[in-house]
């Protein structure tokens, strides 16, 4: 068996940290535009909300440690259709992040390299990461670590340089800025600054999308490390800016404000260092998007929402097909917008905040429907509700500031969710097409017969996929719910009901009578009852998976109790459905 090298704490932190820490290149400037001299307070408010989400994410992913983020949580607590909405929002967020970060990186590079074709350089940068990640996530993590270390060092150097410069000037600019009037009232300024600054935590959800590639216990540490970086760097950077630059000068320099700060406090050399750092860390954010979306789309393909052919890996274990599909989507967006990033900002803003809200919603469902699942941390329900309220408030604030963002977001979201829902319900789509083809057979019998045969074979292939439900054979109502779930959420006509028996558990005659009654009650699905002697656990699941050629994504269990020996992560991806 090929050895899988999983990511350690530093590598995993670097991959997702490049995305979230790159926010200081723009979020401090945006917060200053709306909150003025109180921007650092708005950024501390964001850090406070992020602290609440540390436990929310840790609890949810700790209980269900599989790739997919919000999609995975909702898949195991609600239906596939609800989970698909969260997945669609996450993919849109990654697309917008990849395109915006790549384009912004090339804009910074154009300031260092004369005559750089920004449009083609943006495409080239994204394709570079397709090639890099195709060699495996471990190899790409080395690049992420280098970028992350350089970025953190550069930002700390810039903050120290600004502090020294302000001290030498007697903090005159800082005092003058604090005497400036605030637009509206201070609470409104703080709220608008907070809403805008929430974009500075984009990337916090990325770690949950490749949790299976991380060593045990690493995920919680990535959340802690990202929170520390955001809490320290972003508010200090806002203070550094208002200590050196007059607030009226900020407007118009948002995209290169940190390089401008470097030039004032450290001269051209520091300005160029910050520009180089911006190119690298924004490129790192592109890497994060490709890594995160790879884990999510792989999981969706295994669950038969996206075509299963996407799951095929290359010889080095890289998800080349997924990467190429995502690259094509990003290029199409770049072509449609003609390189103008304004429209993408709406997609980026709303989709990212909606994904965080979905994660909080999934956490609450986890408490209600999967209360017996063991979890490393527990966040109180009222804390989760408050955190979700903060996200919804930030979403409202951004839509209030930029109503056009909502329109642009819907222009991208509606077509994408329609495509995903069509794929999710392709059984009915194929059945409808089959009816249409047959209706034309009388007039075009020869030409349409081939289409009818192909569609019939496709439907047969979909329906022939076996699914497995492990039943304890002690509650027929749970078995009935399992059958209903499979009928409503999966495309199949074959379900194996498996009970593992031993000296402590035997199947009663009453249960078998009830099973036979259920078999007659659901004639449209073939139920097969199987008794296996042994003990339920990872070894048995792996054995059955190999013997029956059924992926573990198609094997279901009900929520285990507190006495269950194994963690869900040990069960090779078996899904919870009740």
Protein backbone atom coordinates (compact mmCIF):
# COMPACT_ATOMS: atom_id res chain seq x y z
CA UNK A 1 0.00 0.00 0.00
CA UNK A 2 1.29 3.46 -0.91
CA UNK A 3 2.30 5.54 2.13
CA UNK A 4 0.27 8.72 2.49
CA UNK A 5 2.26 11.60 3.95
CA UNK A 6 -0.08 13.79 5.96
CA UNK A 7 0.51 17.43 6.76
CA UNK A 8 2.01 18.51 10.06
CA UNK A 9 0.96 21.65 11.96
CA UNK A 10 3.31 24.14 10.30
CA UNK A 11 2.60 22.97 6.74
CA UNK A 12 -1.20 22.91 7.22
CA UNK A 13 -1.11 26.34 8.90
CA UNK A 14 0.95 27.77 6.06
CA UNK A 15 -1.44 26.52 3.35
CA UNK A 16 -4.54 28.11 4.86
CA UNK A 17 -2.62 30.89 6.64
CA UNK A 18 -1.42 32.44 3.39
CA UNK A 19 -5.02 33.15 2.45
CA UNK A 20 -6.19 34.62 5.74
CA UNK A 21 -3.01 36.61 6.47
CA UNK A 22 -2.89 38.08 2.96
CA UNK A 23 -5.96 40.05 4.03
CA UNK A 24 -3.79 42.61 5.85
CA UNK A 25 -2.74 43.89 2.40
CA UNK A 26 -6.18 45.40 1.91
CA UNK A 27 -8.48 44.91 4.91
CA UNK A 28 -6.81 47.53 7.16
CA UNK A 29 -7.19 50.15 4.43
CA UNK A 30 -10.84 49.23 3.84
CA UNK A 31 -11.60 49.36 7.57
CA UNK A 32 -9.98 52.82 7.82
CA UNK A 33 -12.16 54.11 4.98
CA UNK A 34 -15.31 53.32 6.98
CA UNK A 35 -14.22 53.38 10.64
CA UNK A 36 -11.45 55.96 10.36
CA UNK A 37 -9.22 56.17 13.41
CA UNK A 38 -11.27 53.44 15.11
CA UNK A 39 -10.52 50.83 12.44
CA UNK A 40 -8.29 48.88 14.82
CA UNK A 41 -11.30 48.41 17.14
CA UNK A 42 -13.36 47.05 14.23
CA UNK A 43 -10.55 44.61 13.47
CA UNK A 44 -10.45 43.51 17.12
CA UNK A 45 -14.22 42.92 16.92
CA UNK A 46 -13.59 40.66 13.93
CA UNK A 47 -10.92 38.81 15.91
CA UNK A 48 -13.49 38.31 18.68
CA UNK A 49 -16.01 36.75 16.29
CA UNK A 50 -13.28 34.58 14.83
CA UNK A 51 -12.44 33.36 18.35
CA UNK A 52 -16.04 32.12 18.70
CA UNK A 53 -15.78 30.33 15.36
CA UNK A 54 -12.63 28.53 16.50
CA UNK A 55 -14.73 26.34 18.81
CA UNK A 56 -17.61 26.12 16.32
CA UNK A 57 -15.32 24.74 13.61
CA UNK A 58 -13.35 22.58 16.04
CA UNK A 59 -16.48 20.95 17.42
CA UNK A 60 -18.10 20.30 14.05
CA UNK A 61 -15.02 19.03 12.22
CA UNK A 62 -13.80 17.16 15.31
CA UNK A 63 -17.09 15.25 15.38
CA UNK A 64 -17.11 14.70 11.59
CA UNK A 65 -13.42 14.80 10.53
CA UNK A 66 -13.87 14.47 6.78
CA UNK A 67 -13.08 16.81 3.88
CA UNK A 68 -15.77 19.16 2.71
CA UNK A 69 -16.16 21.79 5.43
CA UNK A 70 -19.73 23.07 5.71
CA UNK A 71 -20.80 20.63 2.98
CA UNK A 72 -19.65 17.66 5.06
CA UNK A 73 -21.38 18.90 8.21
CA UNK A 74 -24.71 19.48 6.46
CA UNK A 75 -24.43 16.19 4.53
CA UNK A 76 -24.31 14.31 7.82
CA UNK A 77 -27.04 16.32 9.51
CA UNK A 78 -29.55 17.21 6.75
CA UNK A 79 -30.05 16.25 3.10
CA UNK A 80 -27.77 16.22 0.07
CA UNK A 81 -29.62 19.13 -1.50
CA UNK A 82 -28.98 21.39 1.52
CA UNK A 83 -25.36 20.31 1.64
CA UNK A 84 -25.03 21.03 -2.08
CA UNK A 85 -26.00 24.68 -1.56
CA UNK A 86 -23.19 25.09 0.98
CA UNK A 87 -20.78 23.33 -1.38
CA UNK A 88 -21.77 25.59 -4.25
CA UNK A 89 -21.18 28.69 -2.12
CA UNK A 90 -17.78 27.36 -1.06
CA UNK A 91 -16.71 26.68 -4.65
CA UNK A 92 -17.82 30.17 -5.70
CA UNK A 93 -15.83 31.63 -2.81
CA UNK A 94 -12.73 29.70 -3.86
CA UNK A 95 -13.16 30.74 -7.50
CA UNK A 96 -13.43 34.41 -6.58
CA UNK A 97 -10.49 34.16 -4.16
CA UNK A 98 -8.27 32.44 -6.73
CA UNK A 99 -9.01 34.94 -9.52
CA UNK A 100 -8.84 38.05 -7.33
CA UNK A 101 -5.65 36.96 -5.55
CA UNK A 102 -3.90 35.94 -8.79
CA UNK A 103 -4.85 39.19 -10.52
CA UNK A 104 -3.84 41.36 -7.54
CA UNK A 105 -0.52 39.51 -7.30
CA UNK A 106 0.20 40.25 -10.95
CA UNK A 107 -0.76 43.92 -10.46
CA UNK A 108 1.90 44.13 -7.72
CA UNK A 109 4.37 42.31 -9.97
CA UNK A 110 3.64 44.74 -12.80
CA UNK A 111 4.99 47.48 -10.55
CA UNK A 112 8.28 45.58 -10.38
CA UNK A 113 8.44 44.24 -13.95
CA UNK A 114 7.75 46.71 -16.75
CA UNK A 115 5.50 45.58 -19.58
CA UNK A 116 4.04 42.55 -17.76
CA UNK A 117 0.82 41.37 -19.49
CA UNK A 118 -1.36 41.16 -16.37
CA UNK A 119 -4.23 39.18 -17.93
CA UNK A 120 -2.04 36.38 -19.31
CA UNK A 121 0.23 36.43 -16.28
CA UNK A 122 -2.84 35.84 -14.09
CA UNK A 123 -3.77 32.77 -16.12
CA UNK A 124 -0.17 31.57 -16.05
CA UNK A 125 0.01 31.88 -12.25
CA UNK A 126 -3.15 29.80 -11.75
CA UNK A 127 -1.90 27.14 -14.17
CA UNK A 128 1.39 27.01 -12.27
CA UNK A 129 -0.49 25.90 -9.17
CA UNK A 130 -2.40 23.29 -11.18
CA UNK A 131 0.96 21.74 -12.09
CA UNK A 132 2.39 22.17 -8.57
CA UNK A 133 -0.53 20.55 -6.71
CA UNK A 134 -0.64 17.75 -9.31
CA UNK A 135 2.67 16.61 -7.81
CA UNK A 136 0.96 16.19 -4.43
CA UNK A 137 -0.12 18.34 -1.49
CA UNK A 138 3.08 17.63 0.47
CA UNK A 139 5.22 19.16 -2.28
CA UNK A 140 3.00 22.24 -2.56
CA UNK A 141 3.15 22.71 1.23
CA UNK A 142 6.89 23.44 1.02
CA UNK A 143 6.15 26.42 -1.22
CA UNK A 144 3.37 27.54 1.15
CA UNK A 145 5.71 27.40 4.16
CA UNK A 146 8.33 29.59 2.45
CA UNK A 147 5.70 32.18 1.48
CA UNK A 148 4.09 32.15 4.92
CA UNK A 149 7.34 32.68 6.84
CA UNK A 150 8.42 35.51 4.53
CA UNK A 151 5.02 37.19 4.77
CA UNK A 152 4.80 37.12 8.57
CA UNK A 153 8.37 38.42 8.86
CA UNK A 154 7.66 41.21 6.33
CA UNK A 155 4.49 42.34 8.10
CA UNK A 156 6.17 42.41 11.52
CA UNK A 157 9.08 44.34 10.02
CA UNK A 158 6.68 46.86 8.48
CA UNK A 159 4.79 47.32 11.77
CA UNK A 160 8.09 47.81 13.66
CA UNK A 161 9.31 50.30 11.03
CA UNK A 162 6.07 52.29 11.28
CA UNK A 163 6.24 52.31 15.10
CA UNK A 164 9.84 53.57 15.03
CA UNK A 165 8.95 56.25 12.45
CA UNK A 166 5.90 57.40 14.45
CA UNK A 167 7.93 57.52 17.67
CA UNK A 168 10.53 59.68 15.96
CA UNK A 169 7.78 62.06 14.81
CA UNK A 170 6.27 62.26 18.29
CA UNK A 171 3.09 60.48 17.14
CA UNK A 172 1.87 63.74 15.67
CA UNK A 173 -0.02 62.12 12.77
CA UNK A 174 -1.75 59.69 15.15
CA UNK A 175 -2.96 62.56 17.37
CA UNK A 176 -4.18 64.54 14.36
CA UNK A 177 -6.08 61.51 13.01
CA UNK A 178 -7.83 60.98 16.35
CA UNK A 179 -9.06 64.58 16.26
CA UNK A 180 -10.74 64.08 12.87
CA UNK A 181 -14.55 63.80 12.86
CA UNK A 182 -16.04 60.35 12.23
CA UNK A 183 -18.46 59.78 9.35
CA UNK A 184 -21.83 59.46 11.08
CA UNK A 185 -21.68 58.22 14.67
CA UNK A 186 -18.94 56.11 16.21
CA UNK A 187 -21.19 52.99 16.55
CA UNK A 188 -22.17 53.19 12.87
CA UNK A 189 -18.55 53.71 11.85
CA UNK A 190 -17.49 50.68 13.93
CA UNK A 191 -20.28 48.55 12.43
CA UNK A 192 -19.41 49.44 8.84
CA UNK A 193 -15.72 48.94 9.57
CA UNK A 194 -16.53 45.58 11.17
CA UNK A 195 -18.65 44.51 8.18
CA UNK A 196 -15.89 45.37 5.73
CA UNK A 197 -13.15 43.88 7.92
CA UNK A 198 -14.95 40.51 8.06
CA UNK A 199 -13.47 39.91 4.61
CA UNK A 200 -10.13 39.73 6.39
CA UNK A 201 -10.87 36.25 7.72
CA UNK A 202 -11.49 34.63 4.35
CA UNK A 203 -9.50 31.43 4.35
CA UNK A 204 -10.42 30.41 7.90
CA UNK A 205 -12.71 27.73 6.46
CA UNK A 206 -10.04 26.31 4.14
CA UNK A 207 -8.44 24.01 6.70
CA UNK A 208 -11.72 22.10 7.11
CA UNK A 209 -11.75 21.28 3.39
CA UNK A 210 -8.51 19.28 3.52
CA UNK A 211 -8.68 17.95 7.09
CA UNK A 212 -8.17 14.36 5.89
CA UNK A 213 -4.74 15.35 4.56
CA UNK A 214 -3.69 16.57 8.04
CA UNK A 215 -2.23 14.54 10.87
CA UNK A 216 -4.45 13.82 13.87
CA UNK A 217 -4.94 16.88 16.09
CA UNK A 218 -3.49 19.33 13.56
CA UNK A 219 -6.81 20.87 12.49
CA UNK A 220 -7.51 22.55 15.85
CA UNK A 221 -3.97 23.93 15.90
CA UNK A 222 -4.41 25.50 12.44
CA UNK A 223 -7.50 27.34 13.72
CA UNK A 224 -5.58 28.61 16.75
CA UNK A 225 -2.59 29.72 14.67
CA UNK A 226 -4.72 31.55 12.10
CA UNK A 227 -6.64 33.32 14.87
CA UNK A 228 -3.42 34.48 16.54
CA UNK A 229 -2.02 35.80 13.25
CA UNK A 230 -5.19 37.76 12.43
CA UNK A 231 -5.60 39.10 15.98
CA UNK A 232 -2.02 40.36 16.15
CA UNK A 233 -1.26 41.59 12.64
CA UNK A 234 -4.48 43.22 11.39
CA UNK A 235 -5.24 45.61 14.31
CA UNK A 236 -1.54 46.50 14.69
CA UNK A 237 -1.32 47.22 10.95
CA UNK A 238 -4.32 49.56 11.20
CA UNK A 239 -2.67 51.38 14.11
CA UNK A 240 0.60 51.58 12.17
CA UNK A 241 -1.20 53.13 9.19
CA UNK A 242 -3.04 55.83 11.16
CA UNK A 243 0.18 56.57 13.08
CA UNK A 244 2.05 57.47 9.87
CA UNK A 245 -0.49 58.37 7.17
CA UNK A 246 -3.23 60.99 7.42
CA UNK A 247 -6.65 59.32 6.99
CA UNK A 248 -7.69 61.54 4.02
CA UNK A 249 -4.63 60.20 2.12
CA UNK A 250 -5.81 56.58 2.42
CA UNK A 251 -8.55 56.87 -0.19
CA UNK A 252 -7.24 56.00 -3.61
CA UNK A 253 -4.27 54.06 -2.27
CA UNK A 254 -6.13 51.04 -0.85
CA UNK A 255 -4.53 48.45 -3.14
CA UNK A 256 -0.91 49.55 -2.51
CA UNK A 257 -1.27 51.22 0.88
CA UNK A 258 1.18 48.92 2.67
CA UNK A 259 3.85 49.45 0.02
CA UNK A 260 3.25 53.20 0.41
CA UNK A 261 3.65 52.83 4.19
CA UNK A 262 6.90 50.95 3.62
CA UNK A 263 8.24 53.69 1.35
CA UNK A 264 7.49 56.38 3.95
CA UNK A 265 8.94 54.52 6.92
CA UNK A 266 11.77 52.50 5.35
CA UNK A 267 12.43 53.94 1.92
CA UNK A 268 12.35 52.27 -1.52
CA UNK A 269 13.97 49.05 -0.29
CA UNK A 270 11.22 48.30 2.24
CA UNK A 271 8.57 49.33 -0.31
CA UNK A 272 9.95 46.79 -2.81
CA UNK A 273 10.16 44.11 -0.12
CA UNK A 274 6.47 44.64 0.70
CA UNK A 275 5.61 44.52 -3.02
CA UNK A 276 7.51 41.23 -3.45
CA UNK A 277 5.84 39.87 -0.32
CA UNK A 278 2.43 40.87 -1.70
CA UNK A 279 3.12 38.99 -4.94
CA UNK A 280 4.13 35.87 -3.04
CA UNK A 281 1.44 35.80 -0.35
CA UNK A 282 -1.35 36.55 -2.82
CA UNK A 283 0.05 33.68 -4.90
CA UNK A 284 -0.11 31.62 -1.71
CA UNK A 285 -3.80 32.49 -1.41
CA UNK A 286 -4.27 31.07 -4.93
CA UNK A 287 -2.57 27.88 -3.74
CA UNK A 288 -4.94 27.71 -0.76
CA UNK A 289 -7.95 27.99 -3.07
CA UNK A 290 -6.77 25.13 -5.27
CA UNK A 291 -5.93 22.89 -2.30
CA UNK A 292 -9.22 23.63 -0.53
CA UNK A 293 -11.41 23.13 -3.57
CA UNK A 294 -9.61 19.86 -4.41
CA UNK A 295 -10.66 18.33 -1.08
CA UNK A 296 -14.23 19.59 -1.44
CA UNK A 297 -14.78 18.54 -5.06
CA UNK A 298 -13.24 15.13 -4.42
CA UNK A 299 -15.71 14.57 -1.61
CA UNK A 300 -18.63 15.73 -3.78
CA UNK A 301 -17.53 13.37 -6.56
CA UNK A 302 -17.33 10.43 -4.16
CA UNK A 303 -20.87 11.26 -3.04
CA UNK A 304 -22.03 11.24 -6.70
CA UNK A 305 -23.00 14.92 -6.77
CA UNK A 306 -20.22 15.70 -9.25
CA UNK A 307 -19.10 13.15 -11.90
CA UNK A 308 -17.15 10.32 -10.25
CA UNK A 309 -14.50 10.48 -12.94
CA UNK A 310 -13.10 13.57 -11.20
CA UNK A 311 -11.82 11.43 -8.32
CA UNK A 312 -9.17 9.72 -10.44
CA UNK A 313 -5.69 10.61 -9.19
CA UNK A 314 -2.43 10.76 -11.14
CA UNK A 315 0.58 8.55 -10.32
CA UNK A 316 1.77 10.96 -7.61
CA UNK A 317 -1.64 11.15 -5.94
CA UNK A 318 -2.56 14.57 -7.30
CA UNK A 319 -6.20 15.37 -8.27
CA UNK A 320 -5.33 16.52 -11.80
CA UNK A 321 -8.86 16.33 -13.20
CA UNK A 322 -10.36 18.38 -10.39
CA UNK A 323 -7.59 20.95 -10.70
CA UNK A 324 -8.10 21.30 -14.46
CA UNK A 325 -11.87 21.70 -14.07
CA UNK A 326 -11.42 24.36 -11.39
CA UNK A 327 -8.74 26.10 -13.48
CA UNK A 328 -11.13 26.18 -16.45
CA UNK A 329 -13.86 27.70 -14.26
CA UNK A 330 -11.48 30.39 -12.98
CA UNK A 331 -10.30 31.25 -16.51
CA UNK A 332 -13.91 31.46 -17.71
CA UNK A 333 -14.71 33.91 -14.90
CA UNK A 334 -11.64 35.97 -15.80
CA UNK A 335 -12.75 36.06 -19.44
CA UNK A 336 -16.34 36.96 -18.61
CA UNK A 337 -15.28 39.84 -16.33
CA UNK A 338 -12.53 40.89 -18.78
CA UNK A 339 -10.12 41.14 -15.88
CA UNK A 340 -12.31 43.63 -13.99
CA UNK A 341 -12.35 42.47 -10.36
CA UNK A 342 -15.18 44.70 -9.14
CA UNK A 343 -17.94 42.24 -10.11
CA UNK A 344 -16.08 39.35 -8.46
CA UNK A 345 -15.90 41.25 -5.17
CA UNK A 346 -19.64 40.73 -4.74
CA UNK A 347 -19.35 36.98 -5.30
CA UNK A 348 -16.40 36.80 -2.93
CA UNK A 349 -18.07 38.80 -0.15
CA UNK A 350 -21.47 37.16 -0.03
CA UNK A 351 -20.40 33.57 -0.72
CA UNK A 352 -17.68 33.60 1.95
CA UNK A 353 -19.91 35.06 4.66
CA UNK A 354 -22.75 32.71 3.70
CA UNK A 355 -20.42 29.70 4.06
CA UNK A 356 -19.49 30.80 7.60
CA UNK A 357 -23.17 31.19 8.48
CA UNK A 358 -23.86 27.72 7.09
CA UNK A 359 -21.09 26.33 9.28
CA UNK A 360 -22.71 27.80 12.39
CA UNK A 361 -26.09 26.45 11.28
CA UNK A 362 -24.52 23.02 10.76
CA UNK A 363 -23.02 23.14 14.24
CA UNK A 364 -26.47 23.71 15.76
CA UNK A 365 -27.90 20.79 13.76
CA UNK A 366 -25.00 18.66 14.97
CA UNK A 367 -25.98 19.37 18.57
CA UNK A 368 -29.59 18.41 17.88
CA UNK A 369 -29.22 15.40 15.58
CA UNK A 370 -25.77 14.04 16.50
CA UNK A 371 -25.62 14.83 20.21
CA UNK A 372 -24.00 11.47 21.07
CA UNK A 373 -21.04 11.92 18.71
CA UNK A 374 -17.77 12.45 20.59
CA UNK A 375 -16.12 15.81 19.89
CA UNK A 376 -12.89 17.46 21.10
CA UNK A 377 -14.60 20.73 22.05
CA UNK A 378 -18.10 21.98 22.74
CA UNK A 379 -19.42 25.45 21.94
CA UNK A 380 -22.55 26.54 23.77
CA UNK A 381 -25.66 26.95 21.59
CA UNK A 382 -26.17 30.62 22.51
CA UNK A 383 -22.52 31.33 21.57
CA UNK A 384 -23.06 29.67 18.17
CA UNK A 385 -26.26 31.66 17.66
CA UNK A 386 -24.49 34.92 18.54
CA UNK A 387 -21.59 34.14 16.18
CA UNK A 388 -24.02 33.41 13.32
CA UNK A 389 -25.86 36.66 14.12
CA UNK A 390 -22.56 38.56 13.79
CA UNK A 391 -21.96 36.97 10.38
CA UNK A 392 -25.48 37.82 9.19
CA UNK A 393 -25.00 41.39 10.46
CA UNK A 394 -21.72 41.66 8.51
CA UNK A 395 -23.48 40.29 5.43
CA UNK A 396 -26.19 42.93 5.80
CA UNK A 397 -23.58 45.64 6.28
CA UNK A 398 -21.76 44.70 3.08
CA UNK A 399 -24.99 44.53 1.05
CA UNK A 400 -26.00 47.92 2.47
CA UNK A 401 -22.66 49.41 1.43
CA UNK A 402 -22.69 47.72 -2.00
CA UNK A 403 -26.23 46.69 -3.09
CA UNK A 404 -24.87 45.82 -6.54
CA UNK A 405 -22.87 42.98 -4.94
CA UNK A 406 -26.06 41.02 -4.32
CA UNK A 407 -27.11 41.26 -7.96
CA UNK A 408 -23.71 40.14 -9.22
CA UNK A 409 -23.63 37.31 -6.70
CA UNK A 410 -27.00 35.98 -7.86
CA UNK A 411 -25.83 36.10 -11.49
CA UNK A 412 -23.10 33.60 -10.59
CA UNK A 413 -24.87 31.64 -7.84
CA UNK A 414 -28.14 30.81 -9.63
CA UNK A 415 -26.55 29.15 -12.72
CA UNK A 416 -24.06 27.25 -10.53
CA UNK A 417 -26.68 25.90 -8.12
CA UNK A 418 -28.92 24.93 -11.06
CA UNK A 419 -26.05 22.89 -12.54
CA UNK A 420 -25.30 21.21 -9.20
CA UNK A 421 -28.98 20.40 -8.60
CA UNK A 422 -29.27 18.94 -12.10
CA UNK A 423 -26.28 16.71 -11.38
CA UNK A 424 -27.74 15.78 -8.01
CA UNK A 425 -31.05 14.84 -9.66
CA UNK A 426 -29.61 13.40 -12.84
CA UNK A 427 -31.73 10.27 -12.39
CA UNK A 428 -34.87 12.30 -13.09
CA UNK A 429 -33.13 14.29 -15.83
CA UNK A 430 -32.12 11.08 -17.58
CA UNK A 431 -35.62 9.63 -17.16
CA UNK A 432 -37.11 12.77 -18.69
CA UNK A 433 -34.66 12.65 -21.60
CA UNK A 434 -35.55 9.00 -22.09
CA UNK A 435 -39.23 9.91 -22.36
CA UNK A 436 -38.38 12.65 -24.87
CA UNK A 437 -36.24 10.29 -26.93
CA UNK A 438 -38.95 7.64 -26.99
CA UNK A 439 -41.53 10.21 -28.09
CA UNK A 440 -39.51 10.80 -31.24
CA UNK A 441 -38.83 7.14 -31.95
CA UNK A 442 -41.76 6.71 -34.29
CA UNK A 443 -40.49 9.43 -36.61
CA UNK A 444 -36.76 8.99 -36.12
CA UNK A 445 -36.53 5.39 -35.02
CA UNK A 446 -33.11 4.57 -36.39
CA UNK A 447 -31.34 7.72 -35.23
CA UNK A 448 -32.99 7.83 -31.83
CA UNK A 449 -32.63 4.15 -30.95
CA UNK A 450 -28.94 4.60 -30.09
CA UNK A 451 -29.76 7.49 -27.77
CA UNK A 452 -32.44 5.42 -26.04
CA UNK A 453 -30.03 2.54 -25.47
CA UNK A 454 -27.32 4.84 -24.11
CA UNK A 455 -29.70 6.58 -21.69
CA UNK A 456 -31.16 3.26 -20.55
CA UNK A 457 -27.68 1.91 -19.84
CA UNK A 458 -26.77 5.06 -17.92
CA UNK A 459 -29.87 4.77 -15.76
CA UNK A 460 -29.20 1.08 -15.16
CA UNK A 461 -25.64 1.87 -14.09
CA UNK A 462 -26.85 4.52 -11.64
CA UNK A 463 -29.51 2.24 -10.16
CA UNK A 464 -27.21 -0.78 -9.91
CA UNK A 465 -24.93 0.87 -7.35
CA UNK A 466 -25.30 -0.96 -4.03
CA UNK A 467 -25.58 0.95 -0.76
CA UNK A 468 -25.03 -0.45 2.74
CA UNK A 469 -26.70 0.39 6.03
CA UNK A 470 -25.29 -1.11 9.21
CA UNK A 471 -28.26 -1.89 11.46
CA UNK A 472 -28.11 -2.87 15.14
CA UNK A 473 -31.28 -4.95 14.56
CA UNK A 474 -32.93 -3.51 17.66
CA UNK A 475 -35.10 -0.68 16.31
CA UNK A 476 -37.18 -1.17 13.18
CA UNK A 477 -38.15 2.53 13.12
CA UNK A 478 -34.48 3.48 12.55
CA UNK A 479 -34.30 1.01 9.68
CA UNK A 480 -37.43 2.54 8.16
CA UNK A 481 -35.87 6.03 8.40
CA UNK A 482 -32.67 4.74 6.79
CA UNK A 483 -34.58 3.32 3.83
CA UNK A 484 -36.49 6.60 3.41
CA UNK A 485 -33.23 8.58 3.53
CA UNK A 486 -31.66 6.43 0.81
CA UNK A 487 -34.75 6.76 -1.38
CA UNK A 488 -34.85 10.55 -1.03
CA UNK A 489 -31.12 11.30 -1.30
CA UNK A 490 -29.42 8.56 -3.32
CA UNK A 491 -29.79 7.13 -6.82
CA UNK A 492 -30.10 3.39 -6.30
CA UNK A 493 -32.49 0.46 -6.20
CA UNK A 494 -30.27 -1.84 -4.12
CA UNK A 495 -29.69 -1.56 -0.38
CA UNK A 496 -27.90 -4.08 1.79
CA UNK A 497 -28.97 -4.11 5.45
CA UNK A 498 -26.04 -5.49 7.45
CA UNK A 499 -26.07 -6.59 11.08
CA UNK A 500 -22.87 -7.66 12.81
CA UNK A 501 -23.72 -10.47 15.25
CA UNK A 502 -21.67 -12.00 18.08
CA UNK A 503 -22.24 -13.50 21.51
CA UNK A 504 -23.54 -10.11 22.72
CA UNK A 505 -25.87 -9.38 19.82
CA UNK A 506 -28.25 -11.65 17.94
CA UNK A 507 -31.11 -10.89 15.57
CA UNK A 508 -34.56 -11.63 16.96
CA UNK A 509 -37.36 -13.28 14.98
CA UNK A 510 -39.56 -10.22 15.64
CA UNK A 511 -37.02 -7.96 13.93
CA UNK A 512 -36.83 -10.25 10.89
CA UNK A 513 -40.63 -10.26 10.64
CA UNK A 514 -40.60 -6.47 10.70
CA UNK A 515 -37.83 -6.41 8.08
CA UNK A 516 -39.84 -8.63 5.75
CA UNK A 517 -42.78 -6.26 6.20
CA UNK A 518 -40.56 -3.31 5.22
CA UNK A 519 -39.28 -5.24 2.22
CA UNK A 520 -42.88 -5.61 1.01
CA UNK A 521 -43.62 -1.96 1.81
CA UNK A 522 -40.82 -0.70 -0.48
CA UNK A 523 -41.14 -2.70 -3.72
CA UNK A 524 -39.22 -0.04 -5.69
CA UNK A 525 -35.97 -0.76 -3.82
CA UNK A 526 -34.41 -4.21 -3.44
CA UNK A 527 -33.57 -4.88 0.21
CA UNK A 528 -31.03 -7.56 1.05
CA UNK A 529 -30.45 -8.59 4.66
CA UNK A 530 -26.98 -9.83 5.61
CA UNK A 531 -25.75 -11.15 8.96
CA UNK A 532 -22.00 -11.14 9.58
CA UNK A 533 -20.26 -12.70 12.55
CA UNK A 534 -17.56 -10.57 14.15
CA UNK A 535 -17.12 -7.10 15.59
CA UNK A 536 -18.06 -3.86 13.89
CA UNK A 537 -15.05 -1.64 13.24
CA UNK A 538 -12.60 -0.27 10.65
CA UNK A 539 -11.24 -3.71 9.75
CA UNK A 540 -14.70 -5.08 8.95
CA UNK A 541 -15.64 -2.00 6.92
CA UNK A 542 -12.42 -2.23 4.90
CA UNK A 543 -13.01 -5.97 4.33
CA UNK A 544 -16.59 -5.45 3.11
CA UNK A 545 -15.55 -2.50 0.96
CA UNK A 546 -13.00 -4.70 -0.82
CA UNK A 547 -15.26 -7.77 -0.97
CA UNK A 548 -18.38 -6.05 -2.27
CA UNK A 549 -16.62 -3.28 -4.25
CA UNK A 550 -18.76 -0.65 -2.50
CA UNK A 551 -17.04 2.66 -1.56
CA UNK A 552 -17.31 3.67 2.07
CA UNK A 553 -19.16 6.86 0.98
CA UNK A 554 -22.05 4.52 0.17
CA UNK A 555 -22.02 2.87 3.60
CA UNK A 556 -24.23 4.40 6.31
CA UNK A 557 -24.57 4.13 10.07
CA UNK A 558 -26.80 5.78 12.63
CA UNK A 559 -25.25 8.09 15.21
CA UNK A 560 -23.09 6.01 17.61
CA UNK A 561 -23.37 6.32 21.38
CA UNK A 562 -20.79 7.45 23.92
CA UNK A 563 -19.59 3.88 24.45
CA UNK A 564 -18.67 3.38 20.81
CA UNK A 565 -15.05 2.22 20.61
CA UNK A 566 -13.97 4.08 17.46
CA UNK A 567 -13.91 7.67 16.28
CA UNK A 568 -15.83 8.48 13.12
CA UNK A 569 -12.51 9.36 11.46
CA UNK A 570 -11.42 5.72 11.95
CA UNK A 571 -14.32 4.36 9.88
CA UNK A 572 -12.84 5.28 6.46
CA UNK A 573 -15.52 7.86 5.53
CA UNK A 574 -18.71 5.97 6.50
CA UNK A 575 -21.59 8.46 6.57
CA UNK A 576 -24.03 9.28 9.36
CA UNK A 577 -27.64 9.51 8.22
CA UNK A 578 -29.56 9.59 11.52
